[in-house]
């Protein structure tokens, strides 16, 4: 396993930041933060998690990204 997509077992990545930081510090798989990650909180999230990769692309775009893409 090369990547782990996680919110740190919380509703949001910000709420699970301490768990995400522990995963990053373990030196295991690459950790990608996900769960209500928004541009305005991205710097704080990356700094508080010890450089977790992120955000997951769908999380960064908002609720409309959860819809199926339109076929043209």
PDB file of N, CA and C in Angstrom:
ATOM      1  N   UNK A   1       0.849  -1.163   0.000  1.00  0.00           N
ATOM      2  CA  UNK A   1       0.000   0.000   0.000  1.00  0.00           C
ATOM      3  C   UNK A   1       0.901   1.234   0.000  1.00  0.00           C
ATOM      4  N   UNK A   2       0.682   2.119  -0.980  1.00  0.00           N
ATOM      5  CA  UNK A   2       1.532   3.311  -1.087  1.00  0.00           C
ATOM      6  C   UNK A   2       0.869   4.551  -0.520  1.00  0.00           C
ATOM      7  N   UNK A   3      -0.460   4.610  -0.548  1.00  0.00           N
ATOM      8  CA  UNK A   3      -1.178   5.804  -0.119  1.00  0.00           C
ATOM      9  C   UNK A   3      -2.303   5.440   0.845  1.00  0.00           C
ATOM     10  N   UNK A   4      -2.586   6.354   1.770  1.00  0.00           N
ATOM     11  CA  UNK A   4      -3.741   6.233   2.653  1.00  0.00           C
ATOM     12  C   UNK A   4      -4.527   7.533   2.541  1.00  0.00           C
ATOM     13  N   UNK A   5      -5.797   7.434   2.177  1.00  0.00           N
ATOM     14  CA  UNK A   5      -6.697   8.580   2.096  1.00  0.00           C
ATOM     15  C   UNK A   5      -7.500   8.586   3.381  1.00  0.00           C
ATOM     16  N   UNK A   6      -7.365   9.640   4.207  1.00  0.00           N
ATOM     17  CA  UNK A   6      -8.001   9.626   5.522  1.00  0.00           C
ATOM     18  C   UNK A   6      -8.371  11.019   6.025  1.00  0.00           C
ATOM     19  N   UNK A   7      -9.379  11.017   6.881  1.00  0.00           N
ATOM     20  CA  UNK A   7      -9.732  12.224   7.625  1.00  0.00           C
ATOM     21  C   UNK A   7      -9.280  12.073   9.071  1.00  0.00           C
ATOM     22  N   UNK A   8      -8.499  11.046   9.347  1.00  0.00           N
ATOM     23  CA  UNK A   8      -8.055  10.794  10.715  1.00  0.00           C
ATOM     24  C   UNK A   8      -9.180  10.264  11.588  1.00  0.00           C
ATOM     25  N   UNK A   9     -10.127   9.543  10.984  1.00  0.00           N
ATOM     26  CA  UNK A   9     -11.280   8.953  11.691  1.00  0.00           C
ATOM     27  C   UNK A   9     -12.191  10.019  12.298  1.00  0.00           C
ATOM     28  N   UNK A  10     -12.201  11.200  11.686  1.00  0.00           N
ATOM     29  CA  UNK A  10     -13.051  12.291  12.161  1.00  0.00           C
ATOM     30  C   UNK A  10     -13.954  12.767  11.020  1.00  0.00           C
ATOM     31  N   UNK A  11     -14.877  13.643  11.321  1.00  0.00           N
ATOM     32  CA  UNK A  11     -15.761  14.190  10.299  1.00  0.00           C
ATOM     33  C   UNK A  11     -14.991  15.022   9.282  1.00  0.00           C
ATOM     34  N   UNK A  12     -13.943  15.701   9.719  1.00  0.00           N
ATOM     35  CA  UNK A  12     -13.134  16.515   8.826  1.00  0.00           C
ATOM     36  C   UNK A  12     -11.656  16.234   9.068  1.00  0.00           C
ATOM     37  N   UNK A  13     -10.841  16.538   8.071  1.00  0.00           N
ATOM     38  CA  UNK A  13      -9.396  16.359   8.229  1.00  0.00           C
ATOM     39  C   UNK A  13      -8.848  17.277   9.317  1.00  0.00           C
ATOM     40  N   UNK A  14      -9.410  18.466   9.442  1.00  0.00           N
ATOM     41  CA  UNK A  14      -8.956  19.386  10.492  1.00  0.00           C
ATOM     42  C   UNK A  14      -9.215  18.793  11.879  1.00  0.00           C
ATOM     43  N   UNK A  15     -10.376  18.155  12.062  1.00  0.00           N
ATOM     44  CA  UNK A  15     -10.686  17.532  13.351  1.00  0.00           C
ATOM     45  C   UNK A  15      -9.814  16.308  13.619  1.00  0.00           C
ATOM     46  N   UNK A  16      -9.376  15.642  12.575  1.00  0.00           N
ATOM     47  CA  UNK A  16      -8.537  14.464  12.720  1.00  0.00           C
ATOM     48  C   UNK A  16      -7.060  14.724  12.531  1.00  0.00           C
ATOM     49  N   UNK A  17      -6.656  15.988  12.590  1.00  0.00           N
ATOM     50  CA  UNK A  17      -5.268  16.366  12.293  1.00  0.00           C
ATOM     51  C   UNK A  17      -4.255  15.646  13.170  1.00  0.00           C
ATOM     52  N   UNK A  18      -4.554  15.430  14.434  1.00  0.00           N
ATOM     53  CA  UNK A  18      -3.571  14.769  15.304  1.00  0.00           C
ATOM     54  C   UNK A  18      -3.370  13.308  14.907  1.00  0.00           C
ATOM     55  N   UNK A  19      -4.444  12.642  14.479  1.00  0.00           N
ATOM     56  CA  UNK A  19      -4.316  11.257  14.014  1.00  0.00           C
ATOM     57  C   UNK A  19      -3.537  11.221  12.701  1.00  0.00           C
ATOM     58  N   UNK A  20      -3.850  12.157  11.800  1.00  0.00           N
ATOM     59  CA  UNK A  20      -3.135  12.240  10.525  1.00  0.00           C
ATOM     60  C   UNK A  20      -1.651  12.491  10.777  1.00  0.00           C
ATOM     61  N   UNK A  21      -1.339  13.369  11.710  1.00  0.00           N
ATOM     62  CA  UNK A  21       0.057  13.659  12.044  1.00  0.00           C
ATOM     63  C   UNK A  21       0.766  12.406  12.531  1.00  0.00           C
ATOM     64  N   UNK A  22       0.087  11.587  13.319  1.00  0.00           N
ATOM     65  CA  UNK A  22       0.682  10.341  13.788  1.00  0.00           C
ATOM     66  C   UNK A  22       0.973   9.377  12.644  1.00  0.00           C
ATOM     67  N   UNK A  23       0.065   9.319  11.679  1.00  0.00           N
ATOM     68  CA  UNK A  23       0.286   8.463  10.508  1.00  0.00           C
ATOM     69  C   UNK A  23       1.481   8.945   9.690  1.00  0.00           C
ATOM     70  N   UNK A  24       1.570  10.265   9.512  1.00  0.00           N
ATOM     71  CA  UNK A  24       2.697  10.839   8.766  1.00  0.00           C
ATOM     72  C   UNK A  24       4.006  10.524   9.483  1.00  0.00           C
ATOM     73  N   UNK A  25       4.023  10.692  10.811  1.00  0.00           N
ATOM     74  CA  UNK A  25       5.243  10.475  11.591  1.00  0.00           C
ATOM     75  C   UNK A  25       5.672   9.010  11.612  1.00  0.00           C
ATOM     76  N   UNK A  26       4.735   8.106  11.387  1.00  0.00           N
ATOM     77  CA  UNK A  26       5.067   6.671  11.439  1.00  0.00           C
ATOM     78  C   UNK A  26       5.969   6.235  10.292  1.00  0.00           C
ATOM     79  N   UNK A  27       6.029   7.060   9.239  1.00  0.00           N
ATOM     80  CA  UNK A  27       6.888   6.719   8.112  1.00  0.00           C
ATOM     81  C   UNK A  27       6.331   5.626   7.230  1.00  0.00           C
ATOM     82  N   UNK A  28       5.044   5.337   7.375  1.00  0.00           N
ATOM     83  CA  UNK A  28       4.404   4.314   6.562  1.00  0.00           C
ATOM     84  C   UNK A  28       4.011   4.857   5.203  1.00  0.00           C
ATOM     85  N   UNK A  29       2.832   4.480   4.724  1.00  0.00           N
ATOM     86  CA  UNK A  29       2.366   4.935   3.415  1.00  0.00           C
ATOM     87  C   UNK A  29       2.238   6.457   3.357  1.00  0.00           C
ATOM     88  N   UNK A  30       2.197   6.982   2.163  1.00  0.00           N
ATOM     89  CA  UNK A  30       1.964   8.416   1.967  1.00  0.00           C
ATOM     90  C   UNK A  30       0.540   8.723   2.405  1.00  0.00           C
ATOM     91  N   UNK A  31       0.372   9.730   3.240  1.00  0.00           N
ATOM     92  CA  UNK A  31      -0.932  10.078   3.791  1.00  0.00           C
ATOM     93  C   UNK A  31      -1.509  11.254   3.009  1.00  0.00           C
ATOM     94  N   UNK A  32      -2.733  11.069   2.511  1.00  0.00           N
ATOM     95  CA  UNK A  32      -3.444  12.124   1.795  1.00  0.00           C
ATOM     96  C   UNK A  32      -4.613  12.538   2.670  1.00  0.00           C
ATOM     97  N   UNK A  33      -4.605  13.794   3.113  1.00  0.00           N
ATOM     98  CA  UNK A  33      -5.675  14.301   3.963  1.00  0.00           C
ATOM     99  C   UNK A  33      -6.942  14.508   3.143  1.00  0.00           C
ATOM    100  N   UNK A  34      -8.069  14.077   3.696  1.00  0.00           N
ATOM    101  CA  UNK A  34      -9.354  14.222   3.018  1.00  0.00           C
ATOM    102  C   UNK A  34     -10.433  14.475   4.063  1.00  0.00           C
ATOM    103  N   UNK A  35     -11.476  15.151   3.663  1.00  0.00           N
ATOM    104  CA  UNK A  35     -12.594  15.390   4.568  1.00  0.00           C
ATOM    105  C   UNK A  35     -12.783  16.861   4.835  1.00  0.00           C
ATOM    106  N   UNK A  36     -13.566  17.509   3.988  1.00  0.00           N
ATOM    107  CA  UNK A  36     -13.902  18.938   4.128  1.00  0.00           C
ATOM    108  C   UNK A  36     -12.663  19.832   4.105  1.00  0.00           C
ATOM    109  N   UNK A  37     -11.685  19.468   3.304  1.00  0.00           N
ATOM    110  CA  UNK A  37     -10.494  20.306   3.152  1.00  0.00           C
ATOM    111  C   UNK A  37     -10.840  21.443   2.201  1.00  0.00           C
ATOM    112  N   UNK A  38     -10.627  22.650   2.644  1.00  0.00           N
ATOM    113  CA  UNK A  38     -10.939  23.828   1.839  1.00  0.00           C
ATOM    114  C   UNK A  38      -9.679  24.678   1.672  1.00  0.00           C
ATOM    115  N   UNK A  39      -9.612  25.447   0.606  1.00  0.00           N
ATOM    116  CA  UNK A  39      -8.407  26.253   0.360  1.00  0.00           C
ATOM    117  C   UNK A  39      -8.009  27.149   1.531  1.00  0.00           C
ATOM    118  N   UNK A  40      -8.984  27.740   2.220  1.00  0.00           N
ATOM    119  CA  UNK A  40      -8.642  28.671   3.303  1.00  0.00           C
ATOM    120  C   UNK A  40      -8.006  27.981   4.510  1.00  0.00           C
ATOM    121  N   UNK A  41      -8.164  26.677   4.656  1.00  0.00           N
ATOM    122  CA  UNK A  41      -7.570  25.971   5.786  1.00  0.00           C
ATOM    123  C   UNK A  41      -6.431  25.044   5.419  1.00  0.00           C
ATOM    124  N   UNK A  42      -6.037  25.064   4.165  1.00  0.00           N
ATOM    125  CA  UNK A  42      -5.048  24.111   3.677  1.00  0.00           C
ATOM    126  C   UNK A  42      -3.677  24.279   4.319  1.00  0.00           C
ATOM    127  N   UNK A  43      -3.199  25.495   4.432  1.00  0.00           N
ATOM    128  CA  UNK A  43      -1.863  25.722   5.012  1.00  0.00           C
ATOM    129  C   UNK A  43      -1.828  25.227   6.453  1.00  0.00           C
ATOM    130  N   UNK A  44      -2.842  25.580   7.240  1.00  0.00           N
ATOM    131  CA  UNK A  44      -2.886  25.127   8.631  1.00  0.00           C
ATOM    132  C   UNK A  44      -2.939  23.607   8.715  1.00  0.00           C
ATOM    133  N   UNK A  45      -3.722  22.981   7.842  1.00  0.00           N
ATOM    134  CA  UNK A  45      -3.840  21.529   7.860  1.00  0.00           C
ATOM    135  C   UNK A  45      -2.507  20.857   7.551  1.00  0.00           C
ATOM    136  N   UNK A  46      -1.835  21.316   6.515  1.00  0.00           N
ATOM    137  CA  UNK A  46      -0.545  20.720   6.146  1.00  0.00           C
ATOM    138  C   UNK A  46       0.466  20.906   7.264  1.00  0.00           C
ATOM    139  N   UNK A  47       0.504  22.081   7.863  1.00  0.00           N
ATOM    140  CA  UNK A  47       1.451  22.331   8.949  1.00  0.00           C
ATOM    141  C   UNK A  47       1.124  21.513  10.195  1.00  0.00           C
ATOM    142  N   UNK A  48      -0.160  21.346  10.512  1.00  0.00           N
ATOM    143  CA  UNK A  48      -0.541  20.629  11.731  1.00  0.00           C
ATOM    144  C   UNK A  48      -0.460  19.113  11.590  1.00  0.00           C
ATOM    145  N   UNK A  49      -0.332  18.625  10.368  1.00  0.00           N
ATOM    146  CA  UNK A  49      -0.274  17.177  10.171  1.00  0.00           C
ATOM    147  C   UNK A  49       1.126  16.687   9.825  1.00  0.00           C
ATOM    148  N   UNK A  50       2.090  17.553   9.853  1.00  0.00           N
ATOM    149  CA  UNK A  50       3.450  17.115   9.557  1.00  0.00           C
ATOM    150  C   UNK A  50       3.683  16.862   8.085  1.00  0.00           C
ATOM    151  N   UNK A  51       3.077  17.670   7.260  1.00  0.00           N
ATOM    152  CA  UNK A  51       3.276  17.596   5.813  1.00  0.00           C
ATOM    153  C   UNK A  51       2.493  16.476   5.136  1.00  0.00           C
ATOM    154  N   UNK A  52       1.308  16.208   5.609  1.00  0.00           N
ATOM    155  CA  UNK A  52       0.455  15.243   4.911  1.00  0.00           C
ATOM    156  C   UNK A  52       0.185  15.761   3.511  1.00  0.00           C
ATOM    157  N   UNK A  53       0.122  14.862   2.573  1.00  0.00           N
ATOM    158  CA  UNK A  53      -0.243  15.267   1.218  1.00  0.00           C
ATOM    159  C   UNK A  53      -1.722  15.593   1.201  1.00  0.00           C
ATOM    160  N   UNK A  54      -2.089  16.458   0.366  1.00  0.00           N
ATOM    161  CA  UNK A  54      -3.512  16.748   0.286  1.00  0.00           C
ATOM    162  C   UNK A  54      -3.712  18.089  -0.326  1.00  0.00           C
ATOM    163  N   UNK A  55      -4.874  18.466  -0.493  1.00  0.00           N
ATOM    164  CA  UNK A  55      -6.082  17.717  -0.151  1.00  0.00           C
ATOM    165  C   UNK A  55      -6.450  16.744  -1.249  1.00  0.00           C
ATOM    166  N   UNK A  56      -7.323  15.852  -0.922  1.00  0.00           N
ATOM    167  CA  UNK A  56      -7.903  14.994  -1.935  1.00  0.00           C
ATOM    168  C   UNK A  56      -8.724  15.896  -2.845  1.00  0.00           C
ATOM    169  N   UNK A  57      -8.640  15.734  -4.142  1.00  0.00           N
ATOM    170  CA  UNK A  57      -9.227  16.661  -5.114  1.00  0.00           C
ATOM    171  C   UNK A  57     -10.722  16.860  -4.933  1.00  0.00           C
ATOM    172  N   UNK A  58     -11.466  15.816  -4.672  1.00  0.00           N
ATOM    173  CA  UNK A  58     -12.908  15.980  -4.509  1.00  0.00           C
ATOM    174  C   UNK A  58     -13.230  16.805  -3.282  1.00  0.00           C
ATOM    175  N   UNK A  59     -12.452  16.645  -2.222  1.00  0.00           N
ATOM    176  CA  UNK A  59     -12.687  17.416  -1.010  1.00  0.00           C
ATOM    177  C   UNK A  59     -12.467  18.899  -1.243  1.00  0.00           C
ATOM    178  N   UNK A  60     -11.548  19.241  -2.098  1.00  0.00           N
ATOM    179  CA  UNK A  60     -11.197  20.642  -2.313  1.00  0.00           C
ATOM    180  C   UNK A  60     -12.208  21.385  -3.170  1.00  0.00           C
ATOM    181  N   UNK A  61     -13.006  20.665  -3.945  1.00  0.00           N
ATOM    182  CA  UNK A  61     -13.917  21.338  -4.861  1.00  0.00           C
ATOM    183  C   UNK A  61     -15.294  21.588  -4.285  1.00  0.00           C
ATOM    184  N   UNK A  62     -15.673  20.920  -3.241  1.00  0.00           N
ATOM    185  CA  UNK A  62     -16.961  21.155  -2.621  1.00  0.00           C
ATOM    186  C   UNK A  62     -17.999  20.121  -2.989  1.00  0.00           C
ATOM    187  N   UNK A  63     -19.209  20.268  -2.452  1.00  0.00           N
ATOM    188  CA  UNK A  63     -20.249  19.259  -2.610  1.00  0.00           C
ATOM    189  C   UNK A  63     -20.650  18.989  -4.053  1.00  0.00           C
ATOM    190  N   UNK A  64     -20.565  19.972  -4.911  1.00  0.00           N
ATOM    191  CA  UNK A  64     -20.969  19.755  -6.301  1.00  0.00           C
ATOM    192  C   UNK A  64     -20.093  18.733  -7.003  1.00  0.00           C
ATOM    193  N   UNK A  65     -18.896  18.486  -6.492  1.00  0.00           N
ATOM    194  CA  UNK A  65     -17.993  17.533  -7.123  1.00  0.00           C
ATOM    195  C   UNK A  65     -18.444  16.094  -6.904  1.00  0.00           C
ATOM    196  N   UNK A  66     -19.379  15.873  -6.008  1.00  0.00           N
ATOM    197  CA  UNK A  66     -19.849  14.521  -5.738  1.00  0.00           C
ATOM    198  C   UNK A  66     -20.837  14.030  -6.782  1.00  0.00           C
ATOM    199  N   UNK A  67     -21.302  14.909  -7.620  1.00  0.00           N
ATOM    200  CA  UNK A  67     -22.212  14.512  -8.693  1.00  0.00           C
ATOM    201  C   UNK A  67     -21.443  13.798  -9.794  1.00  0.00           C
ATOM    202  N   UNK A  68     -22.114  12.908 -10.465  1.00  0.00           N
ATOM    203  CA  UNK A  68     -21.490  12.217 -11.586  1.00  0.00           C
ATOM    204  C   UNK A  68     -21.198  13.226 -12.689  1.00  0.00           C
ATOM    205  N   UNK A  69     -20.054  13.097 -13.350  1.00  0.00           N
ATOM    206  CA  UNK A  69     -19.733  14.035 -14.427  1.00  0.00           C
ATOM    207  C   UNK A  69     -20.702  13.878 -15.597  1.00  0.00           C
ATOM    208  N   UNK A  70     -20.996  14.982 -16.231  1.00  0.00           N
ATOM    209  CA  UNK A  70     -21.882  14.954 -17.396  1.00  0.00           C
ATOM    210  C   UNK A  70     -21.100  14.459 -18.596  1.00  0.00           C
ATOM    211  N   UNK A  71     -21.710  13.606 -19.368  1.00  0.00           N
ATOM    212  CA  UNK A  71     -21.078  13.119 -20.600  1.00  0.00           C
ATOM    213  C   UNK A  71     -21.458  14.030 -21.739  1.00  0.00           C
ATOM    214  N   UNK A  72     -20.482  14.410 -22.502  1.00  0.00           N
ATOM    215  CA  UNK A  72     -20.739  15.320 -23.636  1.00  0.00           C
ATOM    216  C   UNK A  72     -20.555  14.618 -24.930  1.00  0.00           C
TER     217      UNK A  72
END
